[in-house]
Amino acid sequence: MARDMLASAGPFDLVVLDMNLDGESSLPLARELTTVQTPFVFITGYSMKSALPDDLRDAVVLEKPFEERTLIATLARMIGPR
């Protein structure tokens, strides 16, 4: 479903991606986003940074729970000035 949305609704400036998409790993989708040079941030309830595969090790990860201001600051930093 998420992959279909990416294909039909993109391109995106940035994607917020939960590590677990309805029971499925979001790693394949993250790799697709990397291929099309779309920045993304993982959100997760698990400590996953050290468990990320080497090709995604530099991904931005926010661990739940996080404060709204943390998300806003992260997204602003990733998108940059407009």
PDB file of N, CA and C in Angstrom:
ATOM      1  N   MET A   1       0.816  -1.193   0.000  1.00  0.00           N
ATOM      2  CA  MET A   1       0.000   0.000   0.000  1.00  0.00           C
ATOM      3  C   MET A   1       0.862   1.260   0.000  1.00  0.00           C
ATOM      4  N   ALA A   2       1.841   1.341   0.910  1.00  0.00           N
ATOM      5  CA  ALA A   2       2.718   2.518   0.970  1.00  0.00           C
ATOM      6  C   ALA A   2       3.493   2.668  -0.328  1.00  0.00           C
ATOM      7  N   ARG A   3       3.945   1.572  -0.872  1.00  0.00           N
ATOM      8  CA  ARG A   3       4.698   1.605  -2.134  1.00  0.00           C
ATOM      9  C   ARG A   3       3.820   2.134  -3.261  1.00  0.00           C
ATOM     10  N   ASP A   4       2.536   1.741  -3.280  1.00  0.00           N
ATOM     11  CA  ASP A   4       1.606   2.231  -4.293  1.00  0.00           C
ATOM     12  C   ASP A   4       1.389   3.728  -4.151  1.00  0.00           C
ATOM     13  N   MET A   5       1.271   4.192  -2.917  1.00  0.00           N
ATOM     14  CA  MET A   5       1.097   5.626  -2.673  1.00  0.00           C
ATOM     15  C   MET A   5       2.317   6.399  -3.152  1.00  0.00           C
ATOM     16  N   LEU A   6       3.487   5.868  -2.884  1.00  0.00           N
ATOM     17  CA  LEU A   6       4.724   6.517  -3.312  1.00  0.00           C
ATOM     18  C   LEU A   6       4.729   6.671  -4.831  1.00  0.00           C
ATOM     19  N   ALA A   7       4.335   5.629  -5.523  1.00  0.00           N
ATOM     20  CA  ALA A   7       4.352   5.652  -6.986  1.00  0.00           C
ATOM     21  C   ALA A   7       3.296   6.589  -7.560  1.00  0.00           C
ATOM     22  N   SER A   8       2.130   6.641  -6.936  1.00  0.00           N
ATOM     23  CA  SER A   8       1.037   7.408  -7.526  1.00  0.00           C
ATOM     24  C   SER A   8       0.961   8.853  -7.048  1.00  0.00           C
ATOM     25  N   ALA A   9       1.446   9.153  -5.861  1.00  0.00           N
ATOM     26  CA  ALA A   9       1.266  10.496  -5.306  1.00  0.00           C
ATOM     27  C   ALA A   9       2.539  11.330  -5.295  1.00  0.00           C
ATOM     28  N   GLY A  10       3.690  10.727  -5.545  1.00  0.00           N
ATOM     29  CA  GLY A  10       4.956  11.443  -5.482  1.00  0.00           C
ATOM     30  C   GLY A  10       5.116  12.415  -6.629  1.00  0.00           C
ATOM     31  N   PRO A  11       6.185  13.136  -6.710  1.00  0.00           N
ATOM     32  CA  PRO A  11       7.327  13.069  -5.803  1.00  0.00           C
ATOM     33  C   PRO A  11       7.060  13.816  -4.497  1.00  0.00           C
ATOM     34  N   PHE A  12       7.823  13.467  -3.483  1.00  0.00           N
ATOM     35  CA  PHE A  12       7.683  14.057  -2.156  1.00  0.00           C
ATOM     36  C   PHE A  12       8.951  14.827  -1.804  1.00  0.00           C
ATOM     37  N   ASP A  13       8.776  15.870  -0.999  1.00  0.00           N
ATOM     38  CA  ASP A  13       9.935  16.603  -0.481  1.00  0.00           C
ATOM     39  C   ASP A  13      10.639  15.796   0.593  1.00  0.00           C
ATOM     40  N   LEU A  14       9.857  15.054   1.372  1.00  0.00           N
ATOM     41  CA  LEU A  14      10.376  14.274   2.493  1.00  0.00           C
ATOM     42  C   LEU A  14       9.304  13.282   2.906  1.00  0.00           C
ATOM     43  N   VAL A  15       9.706  12.123   3.393  1.00  0.00           N
ATOM     44  CA  VAL A  15       8.762  11.091   3.829  1.00  0.00           C
ATOM     45  C   VAL A  15       9.065  10.723   5.279  1.00  0.00           C
ATOM     46  N   VAL A  16       8.019  10.658   6.099  1.00  0.00           N
ATOM     47  CA  VAL A  16       8.127  10.153   7.470  1.00  0.00           C
ATOM     48  C   VAL A  16       7.668   8.701   7.405  1.00  0.00           C
ATOM     49  N   LEU A  17       8.553   7.815   7.802  1.00  0.00           N
ATOM     50  CA  LEU A  17       8.352   6.392   7.547  1.00  0.00           C
ATOM     51  C   LEU A  17       8.460   5.598   8.844  1.00  0.00           C
ATOM     52  N   ASP A  18       7.369   4.960   9.247  1.00  0.00           N
ATOM     53  CA  ASP A  18       7.423   4.098  10.424  1.00  0.00           C
ATOM     54  C   ASP A  18       8.200   2.834  10.049  1.00  0.00           C
ATOM     55  N   MET A  19       8.993   2.341  10.971  1.00  0.00           N
ATOM     56  CA  MET A  19       9.790   1.143  10.700  1.00  0.00           C
ATOM     57  C   MET A  19       8.910  -0.074  10.427  1.00  0.00           C
ATOM     58  N   ASN A  20       7.714  -0.085  10.995  1.00  0.00           N
ATOM     59  CA  ASN A  20       6.808  -1.216  10.861  1.00  0.00           C
ATOM     60  C   ASN A  20       5.547  -0.719  10.170  1.00  0.00           C
ATOM     61  N   LEU A  21       5.326  -1.145   8.939  1.00  0.00           N
ATOM     62  CA  LEU A  21       4.151  -0.739   8.173  1.00  0.00           C
ATOM     63  C   LEU A  21       3.154  -1.880   8.137  1.00  0.00           C
ATOM     64  N   ASP A  22       2.228  -1.843   9.071  1.00  0.00           N
ATOM     65  CA  ASP A  22       1.181  -2.864   9.145  1.00  0.00           C
ATOM     66  C   ASP A  22       1.770  -4.276   9.149  1.00  0.00           C
ATOM     67  N   GLY A  23       2.793  -4.452   9.987  1.00  0.00           N
ATOM     68  CA  GLY A  23       3.405  -5.762  10.134  1.00  0.00           C
ATOM     69  C   GLY A  23       4.531  -6.054   9.155  1.00  0.00           C
ATOM     70  N   GLU A  24       4.806  -5.134   8.246  1.00  0.00           N
ATOM     71  CA  GLU A  24       5.880  -5.325   7.277  1.00  0.00           C
ATOM     72  C   GLU A  24       6.998  -4.327   7.536  1.00  0.00           C
ATOM     73  N   SER A  25       8.207  -4.723   7.261  1.00  0.00           N
ATOM     74  CA  SER A  25       9.355  -3.844   7.395  1.00  0.00           C
ATOM     75  C   SER A  25       9.290  -2.746   6.336  1.00  0.00           C
ATOM     76  N   SER A  26       9.674  -1.553   6.717  1.00  0.00           N
ATOM     77  CA  SER A  26       9.708  -0.442   5.767  1.00  0.00           C
ATOM     78  C   SER A  26      11.083  -0.290   5.110  1.00  0.00           C
ATOM     79  N   LEU A  27      12.002  -1.196   5.382  1.00  0.00           N
ATOM     80  CA  LEU A  27      13.345  -1.104   4.803  1.00  0.00           C
ATOM     81  C   LEU A  27      13.336  -1.120   3.270  1.00  0.00           C
ATOM     82  N   PRO A  28      12.547  -1.991   2.617  1.00  0.00           N
ATOM     83  CA  PRO A  28      12.518  -1.941   1.152  1.00  0.00           C
ATOM     84  C   PRO A  28      12.036  -0.590   0.608  1.00  0.00           C
ATOM     85  N   LEU A  29      11.033  -0.013   1.261  1.00  0.00           N
ATOM     86  CA  LEU A  29      10.541   1.290   0.838  1.00  0.00           C
ATOM     87  C   LEU A  29      11.598   2.368   1.072  1.00  0.00           C
ATOM     88  N   ALA A  30      12.313   2.284   2.170  1.00  0.00           N
ATOM     89  CA  ALA A  30      13.399   3.238   2.443  1.00  0.00           C
ATOM     90  C   ALA A  30      14.464   3.152   1.357  1.00  0.00           C
ATOM     91  N   ARG A  31      14.755   1.958   0.922  1.00  0.00           N
ATOM     92  CA  ARG A  31      15.743   1.800  -0.158  1.00  0.00           C
ATOM     93  C   ARG A  31      15.245   2.420  -1.459  1.00  0.00           C
ATOM     94  N   GLU A  32      13.955   2.262  -1.738  1.00  0.00           N
ATOM     95  CA  GLU A  32      13.384   2.891  -2.934  1.00  0.00           C
ATOM     96  C   GLU A  32      13.480   4.412  -2.837  1.00  0.00           C
ATOM     97  N   LEU A  33      13.184   4.946  -1.652  1.00  0.00           N
ATOM     98  CA  LEU A  33      13.283   6.392  -1.460  1.00  0.00           C
ATOM     99  C   LEU A  33      14.717   6.873  -1.670  1.00  0.00           C
ATOM    100  N   THR A  34      15.674   6.089  -1.196  1.00  0.00           N
ATOM    101  CA  THR A  34      17.079   6.435  -1.395  1.00  0.00           C
ATOM    102  C   THR A  34      17.415   6.450  -2.883  1.00  0.00           C
ATOM    103  N   THR A  35      16.911   5.480  -3.614  1.00  0.00           N
ATOM    104  CA  THR A  35      17.177   5.381  -5.049  1.00  0.00           C
ATOM    105  C   THR A  35      16.672   6.607  -5.796  1.00  0.00           C
ATOM    106  N   VAL A  36      15.499   7.114  -5.407  1.00  0.00           N
ATOM    107  CA  VAL A  36      14.934   8.291  -6.088  1.00  0.00           C
ATOM    108  C   VAL A  36      15.321   9.593  -5.377  1.00  0.00           C
ATOM    109  N   GLN A  37      16.265   9.501  -4.458  1.00  0.00           N
ATOM    110  CA  GLN A  37      16.829  10.646  -3.741  1.00  0.00           C
ATOM    111  C   GLN A  37      15.768  11.458  -2.999  1.00  0.00           C
ATOM    112  N   THR A  38      14.845  10.748  -2.353  1.00  0.00           N
ATOM    113  CA  THR A  38      13.839  11.384  -1.514  1.00  0.00           C
ATOM    114  C   THR A  38      14.250  11.202  -0.062  1.00  0.00           C
ATOM    115  N   PRO A  39      14.489  12.298   0.659  1.00  0.00           N
ATOM    116  CA  PRO A  39      14.876  12.154   2.058  1.00  0.00           C
ATOM    117  C   PRO A  39      13.733  11.572   2.891  1.00  0.00           C
ATOM    118  N   PHE A  40      14.106  10.854   3.932  1.00  0.00           N
ATOM    119  CA  PHE A  40      13.101  10.255   4.808  1.00  0.00           C
ATOM    120  C   PHE A  40      13.646  10.199   6.223  1.00  0.00           C
ATOM    121  N   VAL A  41      12.719  10.106   7.154  1.00  0.00           N
ATOM    122  CA  VAL A  41      13.065   9.900   8.553  1.00  0.00           C
ATOM    123  C   VAL A  41      12.293   8.678   9.032  1.00  0.00           C
ATOM    124  N   PHE A  42      12.991   7.755   9.666  1.00  0.00           N
ATOM    125  CA  PHE A  42      12.334   6.612  10.290  1.00  0.00           C
ATOM    126  C   PHE A  42      11.797   7.041  11.643  1.00  0.00           C
ATOM    127  N   ILE A  43      10.604   6.576  11.982  1.00  0.00           N
ATOM    128  CA  ILE A  43      10.119   6.678  13.356  1.00  0.00           C
ATOM    129  C   ILE A  43       9.870   5.259  13.841  1.00  0.00           C
ATOM    130  N   THR A  44      10.178   5.033  15.109  1.00  0.00           N
ATOM    131  CA  THR A  44      10.064   3.668  15.625  1.00  0.00           C
ATOM    132  C   THR A  44       9.902   3.670  17.129  1.00  0.00           C
ATOM    133  N   GLY A  45       9.262   2.669  17.620  1.00  0.00           N
ATOM    134  CA  GLY A  45       9.148   2.453  19.052  1.00  0.00           C
ATOM    135  C   GLY A  45      10.264   1.572  19.587  1.00  0.00           C
ATOM    136  N   TYR A  46      11.163   1.183  18.712  1.00  0.00           N
ATOM    137  CA  TYR A  46      12.270   0.304  19.080  1.00  0.00           C
ATOM    138  C   TYR A  46      13.592   1.040  18.899  1.00  0.00           C
ATOM    139  N   SER A  47      14.590   0.597  19.604  1.00  0.00           N
ATOM    140  CA  SER A  47      15.933   1.141  19.416  1.00  0.00           C
ATOM    141  C   SER A  47      16.527   0.453  18.191  1.00  0.00           C
ATOM    142  N   MET A  48      16.441   1.109  17.043  1.00  0.00           N
ATOM    143  CA  MET A  48      16.776   0.456  15.781  1.00  0.00           C
ATOM    144  C   MET A  48      18.040   0.984  15.115  1.00  0.00           C
ATOM    145  N   LYS A  49      18.565   2.112  15.533  1.00  0.00           N
ATOM    146  CA  LYS A  49      19.683   2.726  14.812  1.00  0.00           C
ATOM    147  C   LYS A  49      20.825   1.727  14.607  1.00  0.00           C
ATOM    148  N   SER A  50      21.191   1.012  15.632  1.00  0.00           N
ATOM    149  CA  SER A  50      22.302   0.075  15.499  1.00  0.00           C
ATOM    150  C   SER A  50      21.913  -1.179  14.710  1.00  0.00           C
ATOM    151  N   ALA A  51      20.610  -1.428  14.562  1.00  0.00           N
ATOM    152  CA  ALA A  51      20.149  -2.616  13.848  1.00  0.00           C
ATOM    153  C   ALA A  51      19.903  -2.356  12.366  1.00  0.00           C
ATOM    154  N   LEU A  52      20.073  -1.110  11.931  1.00  0.00           N
ATOM    155  CA  LEU A  52      19.854  -0.811  10.517  1.00  0.00           C
ATOM    156  C   LEU A  52      20.931  -1.465   9.662  1.00  0.00           C
ATOM    157  N   PRO A  53      20.564  -1.938   8.479  1.00  0.00           N
ATOM    158  CA  PRO A  53      21.573  -2.499   7.584  1.00  0.00           C
ATOM    159  C   PRO A  53      22.557  -1.408   7.149  1.00  0.00           C
ATOM    160  N   ASP A  54      23.726  -1.823   6.726  1.00  0.00           N
ATOM    161  CA  ASP A  54      24.783  -0.875   6.376  1.00  0.00           C
ATOM    162  C   ASP A  54      24.343   0.186   5.379  1.00  0.00           C
ATOM    163  N   ASP A  55      23.535  -0.183   4.383  1.00  0.00           N
ATOM    164  CA  ASP A  55      23.147   0.781   3.360  1.00  0.00           C
ATOM    165  C   ASP A  55      22.176   1.844   3.867  1.00  0.00           C
ATOM    166  N   LEU A  56      21.600   1.637   5.049  1.00  0.00           N
ATOM    167  CA  LEU A  56      20.676   2.623   5.629  1.00  0.00           C
ATOM    168  C   LEU A  56      21.175   3.161   6.969  1.00  0.00           C
ATOM    169  N   ARG A  57      22.395   2.851   7.305  1.00  0.00           N
ATOM    170  CA  ARG A  57      22.952   3.216   8.613  1.00  0.00           C
ATOM    171  C   ARG A  57      22.958   4.729   8.862  1.00  0.00           C
ATOM    172  N   ASP A  58      23.015   5.537   7.797  1.00  0.00           N
ATOM    173  CA  ASP A  58      23.046   6.995   7.948  1.00  0.00           C
ATOM    174  C   ASP A  58      21.652   7.615   8.004  1.00  0.00           C
ATOM    175  N   ALA A  59      20.621   6.798   7.973  1.00  0.00           N
ATOM    176  CA  ALA A  59      19.249   7.326   7.999  1.00  0.00           C
ATOM    177  C   ALA A  59      18.970   8.025   9.325  1.00  0.00           C
ATOM    178  N   VAL A  60      18.125   9.029   9.249  1.00  0.00           N
ATOM    179  CA  VAL A  60      17.673   9.722  10.451  1.00  0.00           C
ATOM    180  C   VAL A  60      16.609   8.851  11.115  1.00  0.00           C
ATOM    181  N   VAL A  61      16.733   8.654  12.421  1.00  0.00           N
ATOM    182  CA  VAL A  61      15.794   7.823  13.176  1.00  0.00           C
ATOM    183  C   VAL A  61      15.306   8.599  14.389  1.00  0.00           C
ATOM    184  N   LEU A  62      14.003   8.685  14.551  1.00  0.00           N
ATOM    185  CA  LEU A  62      13.400   9.237  15.769  1.00  0.00           C
ATOM    186  C   LEU A  62      12.740   8.094  16.510  1.00  0.00           C
ATOM    187  N   GLU A  63      13.102   7.944  17.782  1.00  0.00           N
ATOM    188  CA  GLU A  63      12.511   6.881  18.585  1.00  0.00           C
ATOM    189  C   GLU A  63      11.318   7.412  19.359  1.00  0.00           C
ATOM    190  N   LYS A  64      10.207   6.679  19.272  1.00  0.00           N
ATOM    191  CA  LYS A  64       8.999   7.033  20.012  1.00  0.00           C
ATOM    192  C   LYS A  64       9.206   6.722  21.492  1.00  0.00           C
ATOM    193  N   PRO A  65       8.638   7.447  22.362  1.00  0.00           N
ATOM    194  CA  PRO A  65       7.898   8.679  22.098  1.00  0.00           C
ATOM    195  C   PRO A  65       8.862   9.842  21.869  1.00  0.00           C
ATOM    196  N   PHE A  66       8.457  10.762  21.034  1.00  0.00           N
ATOM    197  CA  PHE A  66       9.234  11.976  20.836  1.00  0.00           C
ATOM    198  C   PHE A  66       8.276  13.157  20.898  1.00  0.00           C
ATOM    199  N   GLU A  67       8.832  14.302  21.189  1.00  0.00           N
ATOM    200  CA  GLU A  67       8.006  15.499  21.294  1.00  0.00           C
ATOM    201  C   GLU A  67       7.782  16.106  19.916  1.00  0.00           C
ATOM    202  N   GLU A  68       6.658  16.758  19.762  1.00  0.00           N
ATOM    203  CA  GLU A  68       6.304  17.387  18.500  1.00  0.00           C
ATOM    204  C   GLU A  68       7.417  18.319  18.026  1.00  0.00           C
ATOM    205  N   ARG A  69       7.998  19.073  18.944  1.00  0.00           N
ATOM    206  CA  ARG A  69       9.046  20.023  18.548  1.00  0.00           C
ATOM    207  C   ARG A  69      10.289  19.300  18.007  1.00  0.00           C
ATOM    208  N   THR A  70      10.533  18.091  18.491  1.00  0.00           N
ATOM    209  CA  THR A  70      11.659  17.309  17.982  1.00  0.00           C
ATOM    210  C   THR A  70      11.408  16.897  16.535  1.00  0.00           C
ATOM    211  N   LEU A  71      10.194  16.458  16.254  1.00  0.00           N
ATOM    212  CA  LEU A  71       9.835  16.090  14.886  1.00  0.00           C
ATOM    213  C   LEU A  71       9.924  17.304  13.967  1.00  0.00           C
ATOM    214  N   ILE A  72       9.369  18.428  14.400  1.00  0.00           N
ATOM    215  CA  ILE A  72       9.381  19.641  13.584  1.00  0.00           C
ATOM    216  C   ILE A  72      10.813  20.093  13.298  1.00  0.00           C
ATOM    217  N   ALA A  73      11.656  20.083  14.324  1.00  0.00           N
ATOM    218  CA  ALA A  73      13.049  20.495  14.139  1.00  0.00           C
ATOM    219  C   ALA A  73      13.779  19.550  13.197  1.00  0.00           C
ATOM    220  N   THR A  74      13.520  18.259  13.315  1.00  0.00           N
ATOM    221  CA  THR A  74      14.160  17.279  12.449  1.00  0.00           C
ATOM    222  C   THR A  74      13.743  17.479  11.000  1.00  0.00           C
ATOM    223  N   LEU A  75      12.452  17.646  10.775  1.00  0.00           N
ATOM    224  CA  LEU A  75      11.959  17.844   9.412  1.00  0.00           C
ATOM    225  C   LEU A  75      12.494  19.141   8.816  1.00  0.00           C
ATOM    226  N   ALA A  76      12.517  20.204   9.599  1.00  0.00           N
ATOM    227  CA  ALA A  76      13.040  21.495   9.125  1.00  0.00           C
ATOM    228  C   ALA A  76      14.507  21.378   8.742  1.00  0.00           C
ATOM    229  N   ARG A  77      15.266  20.681   9.554  1.00  0.00           N
ATOM    230  CA  ARG A  77      16.690  20.494   9.278  1.00  0.00           C
ATOM    231  C   ARG A  77      16.887  19.695   7.988  1.00  0.00           C
ATOM    232  N   MET A  78      16.050  18.683   7.771  1.00  0.00           N
ATOM    233  CA  MET A  78      16.209  17.825   6.608  1.00  0.00           C
ATOM    234  C   MET A  78      15.773  18.531   5.319  1.00  0.00           C
ATOM    235  N   ILE A  79      14.707  19.314   5.396  1.00  0.00           N
ATOM    236  CA  ILE A  79      14.218  20.013   4.211  1.00  0.00           C
ATOM    237  C   ILE A  79      15.073  21.231   3.905  1.00  0.00           C
ATOM    238  N   GLY A  80      15.524  21.900   4.949  1.00  0.00           N
ATOM    239  CA  GLY A  80      16.359  23.080   4.757  1.00  0.00           C
ATOM    240  C   GLY A  80      15.526  24.307   4.425  1.00  0.00           C
ATOM    241  N   PRO A  81      16.200  25.440   4.283  1.00  0.00           N
ATOM    242  CA  PRO A  81      15.479  26.680   3.984  1.00  0.00           C
ATOM    243  C   PRO A  81      14.848  26.631   2.603  1.00  0.00           C
ATOM    244  N   ARG A  82      13.732  27.269   2.505  1.00  0.00           N
ATOM    245  CA  ARG A  82      13.000  27.307   1.217  1.00  0.00           C
ATOM    246  C   ARG A  82      12.963  28.710   0.679  1.00  0.00           C
TER     247      ARG A  82
END
